[in-house]
Protein backbone atom coordinates (compact mmCIF):
# COMPACT_ATOMS: atom_id res chain seq x y z
CA MET A 1 15.33 -11.63 3.39
CA LEU A 2 12.95 -8.73 2.84
CA VAL A 3 10.36 -7.79 5.45
CA LEU A 4 7.50 -5.91 3.77
CA THR A 5 4.66 -4.05 5.45
CA GLU A 6 1.18 -3.47 4.09
CA GLU A 7 2.27 -0.02 2.96
CA ASP A 8 5.21 -1.53 1.04
CA VAL A 9 2.75 -3.83 -0.72
CA ARG A 10 0.34 -0.98 -1.45
CA GLN A 11 3.02 1.08 -3.18
CA VAL A 12 3.79 -1.55 -5.84
CA LEU A 13 0.66 -3.66 -6.35
CA GLN A 14 -1.32 -2.36 -9.34
CA TRP A 15 -4.69 -3.65 -10.55
CA ASP A 16 -4.00 -4.29 -14.24
CA GLU A 17 -0.79 -6.16 -13.54
CA LEU A 18 -2.37 -8.11 -10.69
CA ILE A 19 -5.42 -9.14 -12.77
CA SER A 20 -3.10 -10.51 -15.46
CA ALA A 21 -1.04 -12.36 -12.83
CA MET A 22 -4.18 -13.94 -11.35
CA GLU A 23 -5.32 -15.09 -14.80
CA ARG A 24 -1.95 -16.80 -15.33
CA ALA A 25 -2.07 -18.38 -11.85
CA LEU A 26 -5.56 -19.81 -12.41
CA ILE A 27 -4.58 -21.25 -15.79
CA GLU A 28 -1.47 -22.85 -14.28
CA PHE A 29 -3.52 -24.29 -11.42
CA SER A 30 -6.14 -25.88 -13.67
CA SER A 31 -3.49 -27.23 -16.05
CA GLY A 32 -1.76 -29.11 -13.23
CA ARG A 33 1.37 -26.94 -13.02
CA VAL A 34 0.79 -26.01 -9.36
CA VAL A 35 1.52 -28.15 -6.32
CA GLN A 36 -1.06 -27.16 -3.73
CA PRO A 37 -3.27 -28.93 -1.18
CA VAL A 38 -6.66 -27.67 -0.10
CA ARG A 39 -6.05 -25.19 2.72
CA HIS A 40 -5.85 -26.52 6.26
CA PHE A 41 -8.66 -24.95 8.29
CA LEU A 42 -8.17 -25.01 12.07
CA THR A 43 -11.30 -24.00 13.96
CA LEU A 44 -10.61 -22.58 17.40
CA GLU A 45 -14.19 -21.45 17.97
CA GLU A 46 -16.88 -22.12 15.35
CA ASN A 47 -18.02 -18.97 13.51
CA LYS A 48 -15.71 -16.84 15.65
CA ARG A 49 -12.02 -17.84 15.49
CA HIS A 50 -10.26 -19.76 12.71
CA PHE A 51 -6.63 -20.25 11.63
CA LEU A 52 -5.71 -21.30 8.09
CA SER A 53 -2.49 -22.40 6.38
CA MET A 54 -2.14 -22.23 2.58
CA PRO A 55 1.07 -23.47 0.87
CA ALA A 56 1.65 -23.57 -2.90
CA ALA A 57 4.54 -24.01 -5.31
CA THR A 58 5.19 -23.55 -9.01
CA GLU A 59 8.39 -23.53 -11.04
CA TYR A 60 8.75 -19.78 -10.49
CA ALA A 61 7.47 -19.23 -6.93
CA MET A 62 6.90 -21.05 -3.65
CA GLY A 63 5.28 -19.81 -0.50
CA LEU A 64 2.90 -20.11 2.39
CA LYS A 65 0.12 -17.85 3.62
CA ALA A 66 -0.95 -18.05 7.25
CA VAL A 67 -4.38 -16.52 7.81
CA THR A 68 -6.52 -15.65 10.81
CA PHE A 69 -10.25 -15.49 10.06
CA TYR A 70 -12.16 -13.96 12.97
CA PRO A 71 -15.79 -13.24 12.01
CA ALA A 72 -16.28 -12.04 15.59
CA ASN A 73 -14.14 -8.99 14.72
CA GLU A 74 -16.83 -7.60 12.43
CA GLY A 75 -17.81 -4.12 13.57
CA THR A 76 -14.57 -3.55 15.48
CA ASP A 77 -11.33 -1.79 14.49
CA VAL A 78 -9.66 -5.17 13.90
CA PRO A 79 -10.13 -6.75 10.43
CA THR A 80 -11.92 -10.09 10.16
CA HIS A 81 -9.07 -11.39 7.95
CA MET A 82 -5.36 -10.93 8.64
CA ALA A 83 -2.44 -12.76 7.06
CA MET A 84 1.29 -13.09 6.55
CA ILE A 85 2.93 -14.56 3.45
CA LEU A 86 6.33 -16.28 3.38
CA LEU A 87 8.01 -16.38 -0.05
CA PHE A 88 10.81 -18.80 -0.98
CA ASP A 89 13.04 -19.44 -4.00
CA PRO A 90 11.66 -22.71 -5.46
CA SER A 91 15.04 -23.67 -6.94
CA ASN A 92 17.00 -23.83 -3.70
CA GLY A 93 14.51 -23.18 -0.88
CA GLU A 94 16.06 -19.85 0.13
CA PRO A 95 13.68 -17.53 2.05
CA LEU A 96 13.13 -14.39 -0.01
CA ALA A 97 10.57 -12.32 1.87
CA VAL A 98 7.97 -12.18 4.58
CA MET A 99 5.17 -9.72 3.91
CA ASP A 100 1.86 -8.59 5.24
CA GLY A 101 -0.88 -10.56 3.50
CA ARG A 102 -4.04 -8.63 4.40
CA LEU A 103 -3.93 -6.26 1.44
CA ILE A 104 -2.73 -9.00 -0.91
CA THR A 105 -5.72 -11.14 0.12
CA GLU A 106 -8.08 -8.20 -0.40
CA MET A 107 -6.72 -7.28 -3.82
CA ARG A 108 -6.03 -10.72 -5.27
CA THR A 109 -9.57 -11.88 -4.44
CA ALA A 110 -11.05 -8.99 -6.40
CA ALA A 111 -8.48 -9.36 -9.18
CA VAL A 112 -9.47 -13.02 -9.64
CA SER A 113 -13.13 -12.00 -9.92
CA ALA A 114 -12.15 -9.34 -12.45
CA ALA A 115 -10.26 -11.84 -14.59
CA VAL A 116 -13.23 -14.23 -14.60
CA THR A 117 -15.75 -11.43 -15.13
CA ASN A 118 -13.77 -10.19 -18.10
CA ARG A 119 -14.19 -13.59 -19.72
CA LEU A 120 -17.79 -14.40 -18.73
CA ALA A 121 -19.74 -11.13 -18.39
CA SER A 122 -21.25 -9.51 -21.44
CA PRO A 123 -19.00 -6.84 -22.99
CA GLN A 124 -22.07 -4.59 -22.81
CA SER A 125 -22.37 -4.94 -19.03
CA ARG A 126 -23.28 -1.55 -17.59
CA VAL A 127 -24.93 -2.24 -14.20
CA LEU A 128 -23.00 -3.57 -11.20
CA ALA A 129 -24.73 -4.72 -7.98
CA LEU A 130 -22.78 -5.13 -4.75
CA LEU A 131 -24.27 -7.09 -1.85
CA GLY A 132 -22.02 -6.17 1.03
CA THR A 133 -20.13 -3.01 1.93
CA GLY A 134 -16.90 -4.30 3.47
CA VAL A 135 -13.35 -4.37 2.12
CA GLN A 136 -14.23 -6.90 -0.58
CA ALA A 137 -17.09 -4.78 -1.90
CA LYS A 138 -14.73 -1.81 -2.21
CA ALA A 139 -11.95 -3.89 -3.77
CA HIS A 140 -14.35 -5.47 -6.28
CA LEU A 141 -15.69 -2.08 -7.26
CA GLU A 142 -12.13 -0.95 -8.05
CA ALA A 143 -11.04 -4.14 -9.81
CA LEU A 144 -14.18 -4.67 -11.90
CA ARG A 145 -13.97 -1.12 -13.22
CA HIS A 146 -10.72 -2.21 -14.89
CA VAL A 147 -12.58 -4.76 -17.04
CA ARG A 148 -16.02 -3.20 -17.57
CA ASP A 149 -17.33 0.35 -17.94
CA PHE A 150 -20.27 0.56 -15.52
CA ASP A 151 -22.83 3.33 -15.86
CA GLU A 152 -24.58 2.40 -12.63
CA VAL A 153 -23.44 0.86 -9.34
CA ARG A 154 -26.00 -0.40 -6.83
CA VAL A 155 -25.29 -1.40 -3.26
CA HIS A 156 -27.08 -3.25 -0.47
CA SER A 157 -26.06 -4.06 3.08
CA ARG A 158 -27.94 -5.63 5.96
CA THR A 159 -26.77 -2.57 7.96
CA PRO A 160 -28.57 0.51 6.56
CA MET A 161 -25.96 2.91 7.95
CA HIS A 162 -23.17 1.07 6.11
CA GLN A 163 -25.25 0.94 2.94
CA GLU A 164 -25.88 4.68 2.93
CA ALA A 165 -22.27 5.50 3.77
CA PHE A 166 -20.97 3.29 0.95
CA ALA A 167 -23.42 4.80 -1.52
CA ARG A 168 -22.29 8.33 -0.63
CA ALA A 169 -18.60 7.49 -0.71
CA TYR A 170 -18.63 5.69 -4.08
CA GLY A 171 -21.50 7.26 -5.97
CA ALA A 172 -23.64 4.12 -5.78
CA LYS A 173 -27.41 3.76 -5.57
CA SER A 174 -28.64 2.51 -2.19
CA MET A 175 -31.21 -0.28 -2.66
CA ASN A 176 -32.71 -3.36 -1.08
CA ALA A 177 -31.15 -6.63 -2.23
CA GLU A 178 -33.82 -7.60 -4.74
CA SER A 179 -33.93 -4.18 -6.39
CA ALA A 180 -30.14 -4.09 -6.60
CA VAL A 181 -29.89 -7.48 -8.30
CA ARG A 182 -32.84 -7.31 -10.71
CA GLY A 183 -31.59 -6.10 -14.08
CA ALA A 184 -27.93 -6.01 -12.98
CA ASP A 185 -25.35 -7.36 -15.44
CA VAL A 186 -22.67 -8.19 -12.86
CA ILE A 187 -23.38 -9.02 -9.21
CA VAL A 188 -20.95 -9.45 -6.32
CA THR A 189 -21.94 -11.16 -3.07
CA ALA A 190 -19.29 -10.32 -0.48
CA THR A 191 -21.03 -10.82 2.83
CA THR A 192 -20.69 -12.70 6.10
CA ALA A 193 -24.13 -14.24 5.57
CA MET A 194 -24.83 -17.78 6.71
CA HIS A 195 -28.13 -17.95 4.80
CA PRO A 196 -28.94 -16.94 1.20
CA VAL A 197 -29.03 -13.23 0.44
CA LEU A 198 -29.33 -13.60 -3.35
CA MET A 199 -32.25 -15.44 -4.93
CA GLY A 200 -31.99 -17.00 -8.37
CA GLU A 201 -35.34 -15.61 -9.45
CA TRP A 202 -33.85 -12.10 -9.26
CA LEU A 203 -31.14 -12.79 -11.85
CA LYS A 204 -31.69 -11.69 -15.41
CA PRO A 205 -30.66 -14.10 -18.20
CA GLY A 206 -26.98 -13.67 -19.02
CA ALA A 207 -26.05 -12.07 -15.69
CA HIS A 208 -22.75 -12.96 -14.06
CA VAL A 209 -22.35 -13.45 -10.28
CA ASN A 210 -19.10 -13.37 -8.32
CA ALA A 211 -19.88 -15.19 -5.04
CA ILE A 212 -17.11 -14.34 -2.57
CA GLY A 213 -18.52 -15.00 0.92
CA ALA A 214 -19.95 -18.12 2.60
CA ALA A 215 -16.51 -19.47 3.40
CA ARG A 216 -17.70 -22.45 5.45
CA PRO A 217 -19.45 -25.69 4.40
CA THR A 218 -22.65 -24.72 6.25
CA TRP A 219 -22.84 -21.08 5.10
CA ARG A 220 -24.82 -19.79 2.10
CA GLU A 221 -25.07 -16.57 0.09
CA LEU A 222 -26.97 -17.94 -2.93
CA ASP A 223 -30.15 -20.03 -2.95
CA ASP A 224 -30.58 -23.31 -4.84
CA GLU A 225 -32.17 -21.63 -7.86
CA ALA A 226 -29.18 -19.32 -8.28
CA MET A 227 -26.84 -22.30 -8.01
CA ARG A 228 -28.67 -24.11 -10.81
CA ASN A 229 -27.04 -21.74 -13.30
CA VAL A 230 -23.63 -22.44 -14.86
CA VAL A 231 -21.25 -22.68 -11.89
CA ILE A 232 -17.54 -21.94 -12.23
CA ALA A 233 -15.12 -22.56 -9.36
CA ASP A 234 -11.55 -21.54 -8.74
CA SER A 235 -10.97 -25.14 -7.57
CA ARG A 236 -13.42 -28.05 -7.87
CA GLU A 237 -11.75 -29.87 -4.99
CA ALA A 238 -11.80 -26.84 -2.70
CA VAL A 239 -15.42 -25.79 -3.25
CA LEU A 240 -16.62 -29.35 -2.65
CA GLN A 241 -14.95 -29.23 0.77
CA GLU A 242 -15.41 -25.59 1.78
CA ALA A 243 -18.25 -23.84 -0.05
CA GLY A 244 -21.70 -24.24 1.46
CA ASP A 245 -23.26 -22.71 -1.66
CA VAL A 246 -22.00 -25.68 -3.69
CA ILE A 247 -22.22 -28.39 -1.04
CA LEU A 248 -25.73 -27.69 0.24
CA SER A 249 -27.26 -27.00 -3.18
CA LYS A 250 -25.52 -30.06 -4.70
CA ALA A 251 -24.63 -27.84 -7.63
CA GLU A 252 -22.62 -29.23 -10.51
CA VAL A 253 -19.35 -27.38 -11.14
CA TYR A 254 -19.24 -26.90 -14.90
CA ALA A 255 -15.60 -25.80 -15.07
CA GLU A 256 -12.72 -24.29 -13.16
CA ALA A 257 -11.86 -20.66 -13.83
CA GLY A 258 -8.48 -21.65 -15.25
CA GLU A 259 -10.16 -23.90 -17.81
CA ILE A 260 -12.34 -21.01 -18.96
CA LEU A 261 -9.48 -18.52 -19.04
CA SER A 262 -7.24 -20.86 -21.05
CA GLY A 263 -9.99 -21.55 -23.58
CA ALA A 264 -10.03 -25.27 -22.76
CA ILE A 265 -13.76 -25.02 -21.96
CA GLU A 266 -16.12 -22.56 -23.63
CA ILE A 267 -19.26 -20.95 -22.22
CA SER A 268 -21.83 -19.10 -24.28
CA ALA A 269 -22.15 -15.41 -23.50
CA ALA A 270 -25.92 -15.96 -23.18
CA GLU A 271 -25.52 -18.21 -20.12
CA THR A 272 -26.18 -16.98 -16.60
CA THR A 273 -22.98 -17.73 -14.69
CA VAL A 274 -21.93 -18.00 -11.06
CA PHE A 275 -18.26 -17.86 -10.11
CA LYS A 276 -17.79 -19.43 -6.68
CA SER A 277 -14.52 -18.17 -5.26
CA VAL A 278 -12.96 -19.67 -2.14
CA GLY A 279 -9.44 -18.37 -2.72
CA LEU A 280 -6.33 -20.37 -3.62
CA ALA A 281 -2.84 -20.34 -2.16
CA ILE A 282 -1.32 -19.97 -5.62
CA GLU A 283 -3.15 -16.65 -5.98
CA ASP A 284 -1.41 -15.39 -2.85
CA VAL A 285 1.99 -16.76 -3.83
CA ALA A 286 1.74 -15.31 -7.35
CA ALA A 287 0.71 -11.93 -5.96
CA ALA A 288 3.53 -12.04 -3.39
CA LYS A 289 6.04 -12.87 -6.13
CA LEU A 290 4.76 -9.90 -8.13
CA VAL A 291 5.24 -7.65 -5.10
CA PHE A 292 8.73 -9.06 -4.46
CA ASP A 293 9.81 -8.53 -8.08
CA ARG A 294 8.59 -4.93 -8.11
CA ILE A 295 10.32 -4.18 -4.80
CA GLN A 296 13.54 -5.71 -6.16
CA GLN A 297 13.32 -3.48 -9.21
CA ARG A 298 13.00 -0.42 -6.98
CA LEU A 299 15.94 -1.48 -4.85
């Protein structure tokens, strides 16, 4: 059985390949070819310490991700999310690998958004707005540049120092939230907010939003007006249990991402769309299998 560190994962996980793998995983999930429950969320201390377990299986891969989610770690040297992934052979149950899951979680989340953005955002999208400056903002900036050619990147953070540092590091324009969103073609909300930070009135017609944060049923990143646009979810079942943006706004989920990516459900390019991402175990297992296969090739 292989034991793989974050650096091992970093050496073999590439954006283009990962985006394609996430598209396949979402299609398989929405077509019923994945066995996966909604993640088990164990709260040790509300809004501070949480432990999650996420198993999934397909005909080609089977695994489990164990995750710690500690919002209280924000601003320290310890990440808010840490994880390990166990990978098994689905044909005989043999353990294949145990690997660090922090980087996989970071990259697969952004790769999923990139796959959905590639299908829903206008091909002429040139302005990207990032609300948030953490690891997901950085990962989304990298991943989305693989599917759209942005002329302008805008960034906002509730912490001015972080906002200015991000802008300098990545050549982005530092703005308040409203200015960043107005006129933007693609928007990412990747925050730890518990109350809306993006208002629907700011969105231009035809914009596409990737809503990544608000991971609890009582948390929000988007207001009700934003959620009245065409809402896409990675999993209908999961967002109705976990996503405060959907639950509290009583938004209708128009389709799952896999249904859009497979072509089973169509959406006009003129629609304003919101992709609510909560993260699926099959995304982690598919990414871990990709890492395992590339490591095996090297060996």
